[in-house]
């Protein structure tokens, strides 16, 4: 029988860490991301590089509460944090001079969540 709840321990730790950070720093961004990750996996976004390129500027910080896929081109460097990356997406972001982070790394690097844009 299929479970109707999350069983991935890494994802559960991430969600609880996001909620804790939201309470401690009083940042609603982390609570929103935790809420999105708690939902069904069929609702998690899959964002292509072309969409990220279209809606961002150079040096932006982007957060995708799902997977980043490699369709399209990236013309400027930026920091992208996501739940997961495809191999081609990670390659295109680093080739453009940007960096790929996990959501937890972004939360530790920028605890206030300032200048972070959510795509997806």
N, C-alpha and C. Protein backbone atom coordinates (compact mmCIF):
# COMPACT_ATOMS: atom_id res chain seq x y z
N UNK A 1 0.84 -1.17 0.00
CA UNK A 1 0.00 0.00 0.00
C UNK A 1 0.89 1.24 0.00
N UNK A 2 0.51 2.23 -0.75
CA UNK A 2 1.29 3.45 -0.89
C UNK A 2 1.08 4.37 0.32
N UNK A 3 2.20 4.98 0.77
CA UNK A 3 2.12 5.93 1.88
C UNK A 3 1.49 7.23 1.42
N UNK A 4 0.74 7.87 2.30
CA UNK A 4 0.14 9.16 1.97
C UNK A 4 0.86 10.29 2.71
N UNK A 5 2.12 10.05 3.06
CA UNK A 5 2.91 11.05 3.74
C UNK A 5 4.36 10.96 3.27
N UNK A 6 5.15 11.97 3.59
CA UNK A 6 6.55 12.00 3.17
C UNK A 6 7.35 10.97 3.95
N UNK A 7 8.25 10.25 3.27
CA UNK A 7 9.09 9.26 3.94
C UNK A 7 10.58 9.54 3.76
N UNK A 8 10.93 10.50 2.91
CA UNK A 8 12.33 10.82 2.67
C UNK A 8 12.88 11.58 3.90
N UNK A 9 13.83 10.99 4.64
CA UNK A 9 14.32 11.65 5.86
C UNK A 9 15.05 12.97 5.59
N UNK A 10 15.74 13.07 4.45
CA UNK A 10 16.43 14.32 4.13
C UNK A 10 15.42 15.45 3.88
N UNK A 11 14.36 15.14 3.17
CA UNK A 11 13.32 16.14 2.91
C UNK A 11 12.60 16.54 4.19
N UNK A 12 12.33 15.58 5.06
CA UNK A 12 11.69 15.88 6.34
C UNK A 12 12.58 16.78 7.20
N UNK A 13 13.89 16.52 7.22
CA UNK A 13 14.83 17.37 7.97
C UNK A 13 14.88 18.77 7.38
N UNK A 14 14.84 18.88 6.06
CA UNK A 14 14.85 20.19 5.41
C UNK A 14 13.60 20.98 5.78
N UNK A 15 12.45 20.34 5.74
CA UNK A 15 11.19 21.02 6.06
C UNK A 15 11.19 21.49 7.51
N UNK A 16 11.62 20.65 8.43
CA UNK A 16 11.65 21.07 9.84
C UNK A 16 12.69 22.16 10.06
N UNK A 17 13.82 22.12 9.35
CA UNK A 17 14.83 23.18 9.45
C UNK A 17 14.31 24.50 8.92
N UNK A 18 13.55 24.46 7.83
CA UNK A 18 12.96 25.68 7.28
C UNK A 18 11.95 26.29 8.25
N UNK A 19 11.13 25.45 8.87
CA UNK A 19 10.15 25.96 9.83
C UNK A 19 10.84 26.56 11.06
N UNK A 20 11.89 25.90 11.52
CA UNK A 20 12.63 26.39 12.68
C UNK A 20 13.28 27.74 12.37
N UNK A 21 13.90 27.84 11.21
CA UNK A 21 14.54 29.10 10.79
C UNK A 21 13.49 30.21 10.66
N UNK A 22 12.32 29.87 10.17
CA UNK A 22 11.25 30.85 10.03
C UNK A 22 10.81 31.39 11.39
N UNK A 23 10.72 30.49 12.38
CA UNK A 23 10.32 30.92 13.73
C UNK A 23 11.41 31.75 14.40
N UNK A 24 12.67 31.31 14.29
CA UNK A 24 13.76 32.00 14.97
C UNK A 24 14.02 33.39 14.40
N UNK A 25 14.11 33.49 13.09
CA UNK A 25 14.44 34.76 12.43
C UNK A 25 13.21 35.56 12.03
N UNK A 26 12.01 34.98 12.22
CA UNK A 26 10.76 35.61 11.83
C UNK A 26 10.75 36.01 10.35
N UNK A 27 11.12 35.03 9.51
CA UNK A 27 11.18 35.23 8.06
C UNK A 27 10.10 34.36 7.42
N UNK A 28 9.06 34.98 6.86
CA UNK A 28 7.97 34.19 6.26
C UNK A 28 8.38 33.43 5.00
N UNK A 29 9.48 33.79 4.37
CA UNK A 29 9.94 33.11 3.15
C UNK A 29 10.19 31.62 3.41
N UNK A 30 10.88 31.31 4.51
CA UNK A 30 11.22 29.91 4.79
C UNK A 30 9.98 29.10 5.13
N UNK A 31 8.99 29.72 5.79
CA UNK A 31 7.73 29.04 6.10
C UNK A 31 6.99 28.71 4.80
N UNK A 32 7.01 29.64 3.84
CA UNK A 32 6.34 29.43 2.56
C UNK A 32 6.99 28.27 1.80
N UNK A 33 8.31 28.22 1.78
CA UNK A 33 9.01 27.14 1.08
C UNK A 33 8.72 25.80 1.76
N UNK A 34 8.71 25.77 3.10
CA UNK A 34 8.39 24.53 3.82
C UNK A 34 6.98 24.06 3.47
N UNK A 35 6.04 24.99 3.40
CA UNK A 35 4.66 24.65 3.04
C UNK A 35 4.61 24.05 1.63
N UNK A 36 5.36 24.63 0.69
CA UNK A 36 5.37 24.12 -0.69
C UNK A 36 5.98 22.72 -0.75
N UNK A 37 7.03 22.48 0.04
CA UNK A 37 7.69 21.17 0.02
C UNK A 37 6.86 20.09 0.71
N UNK A 38 5.97 20.49 1.62
CA UNK A 38 5.13 19.52 2.32
C UNK A 38 4.03 18.96 1.43
N UNK A 39 3.70 19.66 0.38
CA UNK A 39 2.63 19.24 -0.50
C UNK A 39 3.00 18.01 -1.31
N UNK A 40 2.08 17.52 -2.11
CA UNK A 40 2.35 16.35 -2.95
C UNK A 40 3.47 16.62 -3.95
N UNK A 41 4.27 15.60 -4.22
CA UNK A 41 5.41 15.77 -5.14
C UNK A 41 4.93 16.06 -6.56
N UNK A 42 3.71 15.69 -6.91
CA UNK A 42 3.20 15.99 -8.25
C UNK A 42 2.98 17.49 -8.43
N UNK A 43 2.91 18.24 -7.33
CA UNK A 43 2.75 19.69 -7.40
C UNK A 43 4.07 20.44 -7.36
N UNK A 44 5.19 19.74 -7.21
CA UNK A 44 6.48 20.44 -7.15
C UNK A 44 6.87 20.90 -8.55
N UNK A 45 7.35 22.13 -8.66
CA UNK A 45 7.64 22.69 -9.98
C UNK A 45 8.90 22.12 -10.60
N UNK A 46 8.90 22.07 -11.91
CA UNK A 46 10.08 21.74 -12.71
C UNK A 46 10.32 22.93 -13.62
N UNK A 47 11.41 23.66 -13.37
CA UNK A 47 11.67 24.92 -14.05
C UNK A 47 12.85 24.75 -14.99
N UNK A 48 12.68 25.19 -16.24
CA UNK A 48 13.75 25.13 -17.22
C UNK A 48 14.67 26.35 -17.10
N UNK A 49 15.90 26.19 -17.56
CA UNK A 49 16.88 27.28 -17.56
C UNK A 49 16.37 28.47 -18.37
N UNK A 50 15.65 28.21 -19.46
CA UNK A 50 15.14 29.30 -20.29
C UNK A 50 14.19 30.21 -19.50
N UNK A 51 13.38 29.64 -18.64
CA UNK A 51 12.47 30.45 -17.83
C UNK A 51 13.23 31.26 -16.79
N UNK A 52 14.24 30.66 -16.18
CA UNK A 52 15.07 31.38 -15.22
C UNK A 52 15.77 32.54 -15.92
N UNK A 53 16.29 32.31 -17.11
CA UNK A 53 16.97 33.36 -17.88
C UNK A 53 16.02 34.50 -18.22
N UNK A 54 14.79 34.17 -18.56
CA UNK A 54 13.80 35.16 -18.98
C UNK A 54 13.40 36.11 -17.85
N UNK A 55 13.31 35.61 -16.63
CA UNK A 55 12.76 36.41 -15.53
C UNK A 55 13.80 36.90 -14.52
N UNK A 56 15.09 36.79 -14.84
CA UNK A 56 16.11 37.22 -13.89
C UNK A 56 17.08 38.20 -14.51
N UNK A 57 17.83 38.86 -13.62
CA UNK A 57 18.92 39.74 -14.04
C UNK A 57 20.22 39.17 -13.49
N UNK A 58 21.32 39.79 -13.86
CA UNK A 58 22.62 39.35 -13.39
C UNK A 58 22.72 39.48 -11.87
N UNK A 59 23.35 38.50 -11.23
CA UNK A 59 23.61 38.46 -9.78
C UNK A 59 22.37 38.24 -8.92
N UNK A 60 21.25 37.81 -9.50
CA UNK A 60 20.06 37.52 -8.71
C UNK A 60 20.24 36.23 -7.92
N UNK A 61 19.46 36.09 -6.84
CA UNK A 61 19.40 34.85 -6.07
C UNK A 61 18.02 34.26 -6.30
N UNK A 62 18.00 33.05 -6.85
CA UNK A 62 16.76 32.39 -7.23
C UNK A 62 16.57 31.14 -6.39
N UNK A 63 15.34 30.89 -5.97
CA UNK A 63 15.02 29.68 -5.23
C UNK A 63 13.91 28.95 -5.96
N UNK A 64 14.14 27.68 -6.26
CA UNK A 64 13.15 26.84 -6.94
C UNK A 64 12.79 25.70 -5.98
N UNK A 65 11.55 25.65 -5.49
CA UNK A 65 11.16 24.58 -4.57
C UNK A 65 10.83 23.28 -5.30
N UNK A 66 11.67 22.91 -6.22
CA UNK A 66 11.49 21.70 -7.03
C UNK A 66 12.77 21.41 -7.77
N UNK A 67 12.65 21.02 -9.04
CA UNK A 67 13.81 20.62 -9.83
C UNK A 67 14.07 21.63 -10.94
N UNK A 68 15.36 21.90 -11.20
CA UNK A 68 15.78 22.76 -12.30
C UNK A 68 16.21 21.86 -13.44
N UNK A 69 15.62 22.09 -14.62
CA UNK A 69 15.92 21.29 -15.81
C UNK A 69 16.77 22.10 -16.79
N UNK A 70 17.44 21.44 -17.71
CA UNK A 70 18.44 22.08 -18.54
C UNK A 70 18.02 22.58 -19.90
N UNK A 71 16.73 22.71 -20.20
CA UNK A 71 16.30 23.20 -21.51
C UNK A 71 16.48 24.71 -21.59
N UNK A 72 17.19 25.16 -22.61
CA UNK A 72 17.39 26.60 -22.80
C UNK A 72 18.82 27.01 -22.54
N UNK A 73 19.05 28.31 -22.61
CA UNK A 73 20.37 28.88 -22.39
C UNK A 73 20.32 29.91 -21.28
N UNK A 74 21.45 30.10 -20.60
CA UNK A 74 21.58 31.09 -19.55
C UNK A 74 22.65 32.09 -19.96
N UNK A 75 22.28 33.39 -19.99
CA UNK A 75 23.18 34.42 -20.50
C UNK A 75 23.91 35.22 -19.43
N UNK A 76 23.57 35.03 -18.17
CA UNK A 76 24.18 35.84 -17.11
C UNK A 76 24.39 34.99 -15.86
N UNK A 77 25.38 35.37 -15.03
CA UNK A 77 25.63 34.59 -13.81
C UNK A 77 24.60 34.91 -12.72
N UNK A 78 24.19 33.88 -12.01
CA UNK A 78 23.29 34.05 -10.88
C UNK A 78 23.41 32.86 -9.95
N UNK A 79 22.87 33.01 -8.77
CA UNK A 79 22.88 31.94 -7.77
C UNK A 79 21.51 31.28 -7.77
N UNK A 80 21.51 29.97 -7.96
CA UNK A 80 20.25 29.22 -8.01
C UNK A 80 20.27 28.17 -6.90
N UNK A 81 19.25 28.18 -6.07
CA UNK A 81 19.07 27.17 -5.04
C UNK A 81 17.81 26.37 -5.39
N UNK A 82 17.91 25.06 -5.29
CA UNK A 82 16.77 24.21 -5.64
C UNK A 82 16.83 22.91 -4.86
N UNK A 83 15.73 22.19 -4.88
CA UNK A 83 15.67 20.89 -4.25
C UNK A 83 16.58 19.91 -5.00
N UNK A 84 16.60 20.00 -6.35
CA UNK A 84 17.50 19.17 -7.15
C UNK A 84 17.73 19.82 -8.50
N UNK A 85 18.81 19.40 -9.15
CA UNK A 85 19.20 19.91 -10.46
C UNK A 85 19.43 18.73 -11.39
N UNK A 86 19.10 18.91 -12.68
CA UNK A 86 19.53 17.92 -13.66
C UNK A 86 21.01 18.18 -13.95
N UNK A 87 21.69 17.21 -14.52
CA UNK A 87 23.11 17.37 -14.81
C UNK A 87 23.37 18.49 -15.80
N UNK A 88 22.55 18.61 -16.83
CA UNK A 88 22.76 19.65 -17.83
C UNK A 88 22.45 21.04 -17.26
N UNK A 89 21.47 21.13 -16.37
CA UNK A 89 21.15 22.43 -15.75
C UNK A 89 22.30 22.90 -14.87
N UNK A 90 22.85 22.00 -14.07
CA UNK A 90 23.99 22.35 -13.21
C UNK A 90 25.17 22.81 -14.05
N UNK A 91 25.41 22.12 -15.16
CA UNK A 91 26.51 22.45 -16.05
C UNK A 91 26.31 23.83 -16.68
N UNK A 92 25.10 24.14 -17.15
CA UNK A 92 24.83 25.43 -17.79
C UNK A 92 24.93 26.59 -16.81
N UNK A 93 24.50 26.39 -15.58
CA UNK A 93 24.57 27.46 -14.58
C UNK A 93 26.02 27.76 -14.23
N UNK A 94 26.82 26.73 -14.02
CA UNK A 94 28.23 26.96 -13.67
C UNK A 94 29.02 27.49 -14.86
N UNK A 95 28.68 27.09 -16.07
CA UNK A 95 29.35 27.61 -17.27
C UNK A 95 29.08 29.10 -17.45
N UNK A 96 27.89 29.55 -17.08
CA UNK A 96 27.54 30.97 -17.19
C UNK A 96 28.16 31.80 -16.08
N UNK A 97 28.85 31.17 -15.13
CA UNK A 97 29.50 31.90 -14.04
C UNK A 97 28.68 31.94 -12.77
N UNK A 98 27.60 31.20 -12.72
CA UNK A 98 26.75 31.18 -11.54
C UNK A 98 27.10 30.05 -10.60
N UNK A 99 26.27 29.86 -9.59
CA UNK A 99 26.50 28.78 -8.65
C UNK A 99 25.19 28.07 -8.33
N UNK A 100 25.29 26.78 -8.03
CA UNK A 100 24.15 25.95 -7.68
C UNK A 100 24.25 25.61 -6.19
N UNK A 101 23.18 25.85 -5.45
CA UNK A 101 23.14 25.57 -4.02
C UNK A 101 21.93 24.72 -3.70
N UNK A 102 22.01 24.01 -2.59
CA UNK A 102 20.81 23.37 -2.08
C UNK A 102 20.02 24.42 -1.30
N UNK A 103 18.78 24.12 -0.99
CA UNK A 103 17.95 25.08 -0.25
C UNK A 103 18.53 25.31 1.14
N UNK A 104 19.07 24.25 1.74
CA UNK A 104 19.66 24.37 3.07
C UNK A 104 20.90 25.27 3.04
N UNK A 105 21.72 25.15 2.00
CA UNK A 105 22.90 26.02 1.88
C UNK A 105 22.49 27.48 1.73
N UNK A 106 21.44 27.74 0.95
CA UNK A 106 20.96 29.11 0.80
C UNK A 106 20.42 29.65 2.12
N UNK A 107 19.72 28.81 2.87
CA UNK A 107 19.17 29.22 4.15
C UNK A 107 20.29 29.58 5.13
N UNK A 108 21.39 28.82 5.11
CA UNK A 108 22.52 29.12 5.99
C UNK A 108 23.30 30.33 5.52
N UNK A 109 23.39 30.52 4.22
CA UNK A 109 24.13 31.64 3.65
C UNK A 109 23.38 32.96 3.80
N UNK A 110 22.05 32.92 3.70
CA UNK A 110 21.21 34.11 3.74
C UNK A 110 20.04 33.85 4.69
N UNK A 111 20.26 33.87 6.02
CA UNK A 111 19.19 33.49 6.96
C UNK A 111 17.99 34.43 6.96
N UNK A 112 18.19 35.69 6.58
CA UNK A 112 17.06 36.63 6.54
C UNK A 112 16.25 36.48 5.26
N UNK A 113 16.79 35.78 4.27
CA UNK A 113 16.06 35.57 3.02
C UNK A 113 15.94 36.83 2.17
N UNK A 114 16.86 37.77 2.35
CA UNK A 114 16.77 39.02 1.59
C UNK A 114 17.25 38.82 0.16
N UNK A 115 16.58 39.50 -0.76
CA UNK A 115 16.89 39.49 -2.19
C UNK A 115 16.77 38.10 -2.82
N UNK A 116 15.93 37.25 -2.27
CA UNK A 116 15.70 35.91 -2.83
C UNK A 116 14.38 35.93 -3.57
N UNK A 117 14.41 35.47 -4.82
CA UNK A 117 13.19 35.38 -5.64
C UNK A 117 12.82 33.92 -5.84
N UNK A 118 11.53 33.63 -5.71
CA UNK A 118 11.02 32.27 -5.90
C UNK A 118 10.50 32.15 -7.32
N UNK A 119 10.97 31.12 -8.02
CA UNK A 119 10.46 30.82 -9.36
C UNK A 119 9.94 29.41 -9.34
N UNK A 120 8.70 29.23 -9.75
CA UNK A 120 8.14 27.89 -9.83
C UNK A 120 6.92 27.69 -9.01
